[in-house]
Amino acid sequence: MTPAGRAFPDGFVWGTATAAHQVEGGNWNNDWWAWEHTPGSGCAEPSGDACDHWHRWPDDLRLLAGLGFGSYRFSLEWSRIEPEEGEFSRVALDHYLAMCAGCRELGLEPVVTFHHFTPPAGWPRPAAGPTRRPPSGSPASAAGRPATWGTPWPGPAP
């Protein structure tokens, strides 16, 4: 029951979510890291080691299950999986598979985001891809900067 006395629908699952770049730590091979370390980018605090979820995920999952969550949405850091175009890391793939298995062992349904706006550094961006305007009132909009395909607001410039 909610505090207001309303019940959630049958089948509703409480979950929580993270973004790999924000929690794993050490994601230095993606375009977001490059943006964070560019003078004048506006980034107040680079991610650095974050909370080291890359190594601490088993404990983190136990905390989530202990809090009563039924699902965990996490993203894959593609720069770990494919650090160079066409070169895939078995270690990274096995890591994410182990996270999915760990979720299920604890009764958490893994919900995986395959791309969370952090492509590996140096990946080509479309030269004339579609452009979009940032939402009104967003930091990118306030800066007068358009966001381009694949670029989060107020993310790195292509």
C-alpha atoms as a PDB file:
ATOM      1  CA  MET A   1       0.000   0.000   0.000  1.00  0.00           C
ATOM      2  CA  THR A   2       1.120   3.524  -0.643  1.00  0.00           C
ATOM      3  CA  PRO A   3       1.049   6.139   2.100  1.00  0.00           C
ATOM      4  CA  ALA A   4      -2.143   7.492   0.532  1.00  0.00           C
ATOM      5  CA  GLY A   5      -3.752   4.067   0.922  1.00  0.00           C
ATOM      6  CA  ARG A   6      -3.689   3.170  -2.776  1.00  0.00           C
ATOM      7  CA  ALA A   7      -2.474  -0.242  -3.861  1.00  0.00           C
ATOM      8  CA  PHE A   8      -0.120  -0.713  -6.780  1.00  0.00           C
ATOM      9  CA  PRO A   9      -1.424  -2.909  -9.605  1.00  0.00           C
ATOM     10  CA  ASP A  10      -0.915  -6.667  -9.446  1.00  0.00           C
ATOM     11  CA  GLY A  11       2.443  -7.526 -10.939  1.00  0.00           C
ATOM     12  CA  PHE A  12       4.000  -4.139 -10.122  1.00  0.00           C
ATOM     13  CA  VAL A  13       7.690  -4.593  -9.287  1.00  0.00           C
ATOM     14  CA  TRP A  14       9.737  -2.106  -7.316  1.00  0.00           C
ATOM     15  CA  GLY A  15      13.168  -1.642  -8.795  1.00  0.00           C
ATOM     16  CA  THR A  16      16.120   0.640  -8.897  1.00  0.00           C
ATOM     17  CA  ALA A  17      18.568   1.674 -11.597  1.00  0.00           C
ATOM     18  CA  THR A  18      22.126   2.768 -12.220  1.00  0.00           C
ATOM     19  CA  ALA A  19      24.207   3.952 -15.171  1.00  0.00           C
ATOM     20  CA  ALA A  20      27.511   2.129 -15.656  1.00  0.00           C
ATOM     21  CA  HIS A  21      29.582   5.263 -16.146  1.00  0.00           C
ATOM     22  CA  GLN A  22      28.219   6.805 -12.964  1.00  0.00           C
ATOM     23  CA  VAL A  23      28.771   3.814 -10.658  1.00  0.00           C
ATOM     24  CA  GLU A  24      31.347   1.376 -12.047  1.00  0.00           C
ATOM     25  CA  GLY A  25      34.380   3.629 -11.858  1.00  0.00           C
ATOM     26  CA  GLY A  26      37.407   3.747 -14.102  1.00  0.00           C
ATOM     27  CA  ASN A  27      35.441   4.096 -17.340  1.00  0.00           C
ATOM     28  CA  TRP A  28      38.162   6.143 -19.011  1.00  0.00           C
ATOM     29  CA  ASN A  29      37.685   4.821 -22.555  1.00  0.00           C
ATOM     30  CA  ASN A  30      34.396   6.521 -23.446  1.00  0.00           C
ATOM     31  CA  ASP A  31      33.411   9.893 -24.828  1.00  0.00           C
ATOM     32  CA  TRP A  32      31.775  10.988 -21.569  1.00  0.00           C
ATOM     33  CA  TRP A  33      35.076  10.573 -19.682  1.00  0.00           C
ATOM     34  CA  ALA A  34      36.765  12.661 -22.360  1.00  0.00           C
ATOM     35  CA  TRP A  35      34.103  15.356 -21.961  1.00  0.00           C
ATOM     36  CA  GLU A  36      34.425  15.312 -18.154  1.00  0.00           C
ATOM     37  CA  HIS A  37      38.158  15.997 -18.467  1.00  0.00           C
ATOM     38  CA  THR A  38      37.922  18.705 -21.122  1.00  0.00           C
ATOM     39  CA  PRO A  39      38.682  22.156 -19.691  1.00  0.00           C
ATOM     40  CA  GLY A  40      35.586  24.338 -19.843  1.00  0.00           C
ATOM     41  CA  SER A  41      33.207  21.388 -20.294  1.00  0.00           C
ATOM     42  CA  GLY A  42      31.066  22.447 -17.358  1.00  0.00           C
ATOM     43  CA  CYS A  43      31.565  19.139 -15.574  1.00  0.00           C
ATOM     44  CA  ALA A  44      31.754  19.960 -11.873  1.00  0.00           C
ATOM     45  CA  GLU A  45      33.063  16.581 -10.732  1.00  0.00           C
ATOM     46  CA  PRO A  46      34.483  13.850 -13.028  1.00  0.00           C
ATOM     47  CA  SER A  47      33.290  10.321 -12.277  1.00  0.00           C
ATOM     48  CA  GLY A  48      36.742   8.905 -11.472  1.00  0.00           C
ATOM     49  CA  ASP A  49      36.468   5.734  -9.419  1.00  0.00           C
ATOM     50  CA  ALA A  50      32.775   6.392  -8.673  1.00  0.00           C
ATOM     51  CA  CYS A  51      31.568   3.898  -6.052  1.00  0.00           C
ATOM     52  CA  ASP A  52      33.485   0.974  -7.661  1.00  0.00           C
ATOM     53  CA  HIS A  53      30.361  -0.995  -8.580  1.00  0.00           C
ATOM     54  CA  TRP A  54      32.504  -2.857 -11.126  1.00  0.00           C
ATOM     55  CA  HIS A  55      34.129  -4.741  -8.236  1.00  0.00           C
ATOM     56  CA  ARG A  56      31.496  -4.331  -5.489  1.00  0.00           C
ATOM     57  CA  TRP A  57      28.425  -5.435  -7.455  1.00  0.00           C
ATOM     58  CA  PRO A  58      27.819  -8.640  -5.411  1.00  0.00           C
ATOM     59  CA  ASP A  59      27.524  -6.613  -2.197  1.00  0.00           C
ATOM     60  CA  ASP A  60      25.484  -3.946  -3.976  1.00  0.00           C
ATOM     61  CA  LEU A  61      23.022  -6.564  -5.262  1.00  0.00           C
ATOM     62  CA  ARG A  62      22.650  -8.029  -1.779  1.00  0.00           C
ATOM     63  CA  LEU A  63      21.820  -4.542  -0.491  1.00  0.00           C
ATOM     64  CA  LEU A  64      19.174  -4.088  -3.199  1.00  0.00           C
ATOM     65  CA  ALA A  65      17.582  -7.463  -2.498  1.00  0.00           C
ATOM     66  CA  GLY A  66      17.683  -6.757   1.237  1.00  0.00           C
ATOM     67  CA  LEU A  67      15.796  -3.518   0.655  1.00  0.00           C
ATOM     68  CA  GLY A  68      13.012  -5.480  -1.012  1.00  0.00           C
ATOM     69  CA  PHE A  69      13.556  -4.491  -4.638  1.00  0.00           C
ATOM     70  CA  GLY A  70      12.378  -6.926  -7.288  1.00  0.00           C
ATOM     71  CA  SER A  71      14.373  -5.628 -10.250  1.00  0.00           C
ATOM     72  CA  TYR A  72      17.633  -3.891 -11.029  1.00  0.00           C
ATOM     73  CA  ARG A  73      18.154  -1.902 -14.209  1.00  0.00           C
ATOM     74  CA  PHE A  74      21.804  -1.418 -15.071  1.00  0.00           C
ATOM     75  CA  SER A  75      23.606  -0.401 -18.198  1.00  0.00           C
ATOM     76  CA  LEU A  76      26.488  -2.028 -19.997  1.00  0.00           C
ATOM     77  CA  GLU A  77      29.580   0.102 -20.435  1.00  0.00           C
ATOM     78  CA  TRP A  78      30.185  -0.488 -24.117  1.00  0.00           C
ATOM     79  CA  SER A  79      33.740   0.869 -23.934  1.00  0.00           C
ATOM     80  CA  ARG A  80      34.565  -2.103 -21.689  1.00  0.00           C
ATOM     81  CA  ILE A  81      32.843  -4.604 -23.991  1.00  0.00           C
ATOM     82  CA  GLU A  82      34.290  -3.267 -27.263  1.00  0.00           C
ATOM     83  CA  PRO A  83      37.325  -1.137 -26.350  1.00  0.00           C
ATOM     84  CA  GLU A  84      38.374  -0.953 -29.998  1.00  0.00           C
ATOM     85  CA  GLU A  85      36.055  -1.288 -32.955  1.00  0.00           C
ATOM     86  CA  GLY A  86      35.594  -5.008 -33.650  1.00  0.00           C
ATOM     87  CA  GLU A  87      37.607  -6.087 -30.565  1.00  0.00           C
ATOM     88  CA  PHE A  88      35.438  -7.622 -27.843  1.00  0.00           C
ATOM     89  CA  SER A  89      36.404  -8.289 -24.239  1.00  0.00           C
ATOM     90  CA  ARG A  90      35.392 -11.718 -22.960  1.00  0.00           C
ATOM     91  CA  VAL A  91      36.166 -10.455 -19.410  1.00  0.00           C
ATOM     92  CA  ALA A  92      33.627  -7.622 -19.720  1.00  0.00           C
ATOM     93  CA  LEU A  93      30.976  -9.867 -21.295  1.00  0.00           C
ATOM     94  CA  ASP A  94      31.468 -12.476 -18.564  1.00  0.00           C
ATOM     95  CA  HIS A  95      31.254  -9.732 -15.933  1.00  0.00           C
ATOM     96  CA  TYR A  96      27.838  -8.579 -17.125  1.00  0.00           C
ATOM     97  CA  LEU A  97      26.602 -12.166 -17.484  1.00  0.00           C
ATOM     98  CA  ALA A  98      27.670 -12.797 -13.882  1.00  0.00           C
ATOM     99  CA  MET A  99      25.756  -9.689 -12.797  1.00  0.00           C
ATOM    100  CA  CYS A 100      22.598 -11.023 -14.478  1.00  0.00           C
ATOM    101  CA  ALA A 101      23.056 -14.406 -12.812  1.00  0.00           C
ATOM    102  CA  GLY A 102      23.715 -12.696  -9.469  1.00  0.00           C
ATOM    103  CA  CYS A 103      20.499 -10.715  -9.806  1.00  0.00           C
ATOM    104  CA  ARG A 104      18.464 -13.845 -10.470  1.00  0.00           C
ATOM    105  CA  GLU A 105      20.074 -15.733  -7.564  1.00  0.00           C
ATOM    106  CA  LEU A 106      18.850 -12.952  -5.257  1.00  0.00           C
ATOM    107  CA  GLY A 107      15.362 -12.715  -6.769  1.00  0.00           C
ATOM    108  CA  LEU A 108      16.105  -9.519  -8.707  1.00  0.00           C
ATOM    109  CA  GLU A 109      14.996  -9.354 -12.321  1.00  0.00           C
ATOM    110  CA  PRO A 110      17.902  -7.904 -14.330  1.00  0.00           C
ATOM    111  CA  VAL A 111      16.832  -5.184 -16.762  1.00  0.00           C
ATOM    112  CA  VAL A 112      19.746  -4.356 -19.058  1.00  0.00           C
ATOM    113  CA  THR A 113      20.294  -1.121 -20.955  1.00  0.00           C
ATOM    114  CA  PHE A 114      22.626  -1.880 -23.841  1.00  0.00           C
ATOM    115  CA  HIS A 115      23.617   1.702 -24.602  1.00  0.00           C
ATOM    116  CA  HIS A 116      23.495   4.481 -22.037  1.00  0.00           C
ATOM    117  CA  PHE A 117      25.040   7.293 -24.089  1.00  0.00           C
ATOM    118  CA  THR A 118      28.692   6.480 -23.452  1.00  0.00           C
ATOM    119  CA  PRO A 119      30.153   5.131 -26.694  1.00  0.00           C
ATOM    120  CA  PRO A 120      33.828   4.219 -26.675  1.00  0.00           C
ATOM    121  CA  ALA A 121      36.164   7.157 -27.246  1.00  0.00           C
ATOM    122  CA  GLY A 122      37.025   7.589 -30.891  1.00  0.00           C
ATOM    123  CA  TRP A 123      33.990   5.779 -32.237  1.00  0.00           C
ATOM    124  CA  PRO A 124      32.807   7.524 -35.367  1.00  0.00           C
ATOM    125  CA  ARG A 125      29.727   9.680 -35.091  1.00  0.00           C
ATOM    126  CA  PRO A 126      27.478  10.287 -38.067  1.00  0.00           C
ATOM    127  CA  ALA A 127      28.785  13.239 -40.041  1.00  0.00           C
ATOM    128  CA  ALA A 128      25.367  14.443 -41.093  1.00  0.00           C
ATOM    129  CA  GLY A 129      23.107  12.517 -38.759  1.00  0.00           C
ATOM    130  CA  PRO A 130      19.826  13.888 -37.518  1.00  0.00           C
ATOM    131  CA  THR A 131      20.063  16.698 -35.013  1.00  0.00           C
ATOM    132  CA  ARG A 132      17.659  17.554 -32.273  1.00  0.00           C
ATOM    133  CA  ARG A 133      17.242  20.492 -29.963  1.00  0.00           C
ATOM    134  CA  PRO A 134      17.662  20.000 -26.227  1.00  0.00           C
ATOM    135  CA  PRO A 135      14.521  20.293 -24.133  1.00  0.00           C
ATOM    136  CA  SER A 136      13.560  23.823 -23.208  1.00  0.00           C
ATOM    137  CA  GLY A 137      15.081  24.759 -19.870  1.00  0.00           C
ATOM    138  CA  SER A 138      17.781  22.055 -19.959  1.00  0.00           C
ATOM    139  CA  PRO A 139      21.422  23.014 -19.294  1.00  0.00           C
ATOM    140  CA  ALA A 140      22.255  22.382 -22.959  1.00  0.00           C
ATOM    141  CA  SER A 141      19.375  24.591 -24.043  1.00  0.00           C
ATOM    142  CA  ALA A 142      20.502  27.332 -21.664  1.00  0.00           C
ATOM    143  CA  ALA A 143      23.992  27.095 -23.181  1.00  0.00           C
ATOM    144  CA  GLY A 144      22.504  27.515 -26.663  1.00  0.00           C
ATOM    145  CA  ARG A 145      24.095  24.249 -27.723  1.00  0.00           C
ATOM    146  CA  PRO A 146      22.267  21.772 -29.932  1.00  0.00           C
ATOM    147  CA  ALA A 147      22.504  18.111 -29.021  1.00  0.00           C
ATOM    148  CA  THR A 148      23.308  15.778 -31.881  1.00  0.00           C
ATOM    149  CA  TRP A 149      22.470  12.156 -32.500  1.00  0.00           C
ATOM    150  CA  GLY A 150      23.898   9.958 -29.774  1.00  0.00           C
ATOM    151  CA  THR A 151      24.834  12.839 -27.504  1.00  0.00           C
ATOM    152  CA  PRO A 152      23.223  13.167 -24.085  1.00  0.00           C
ATOM    153  CA  TRP A 153      22.155  16.557 -22.822  1.00  0.00           C
ATOM    154  CA  PRO A 154      24.404  18.390 -21.923  1.00  0.00           C
ATOM    155  CA  GLY A 155      26.912  15.781 -23.007  1.00  0.00           C
ATOM    156  CA  PRO A 156      30.089  15.862 -24.956  1.00  0.00           C
ATOM    157  CA  ALA A 157      30.203  17.588 -28.285  1.00  0.00           C
ATOM    158  CA  PRO A 158      30.611  15.220 -31.211  1.00  0.00           C
END
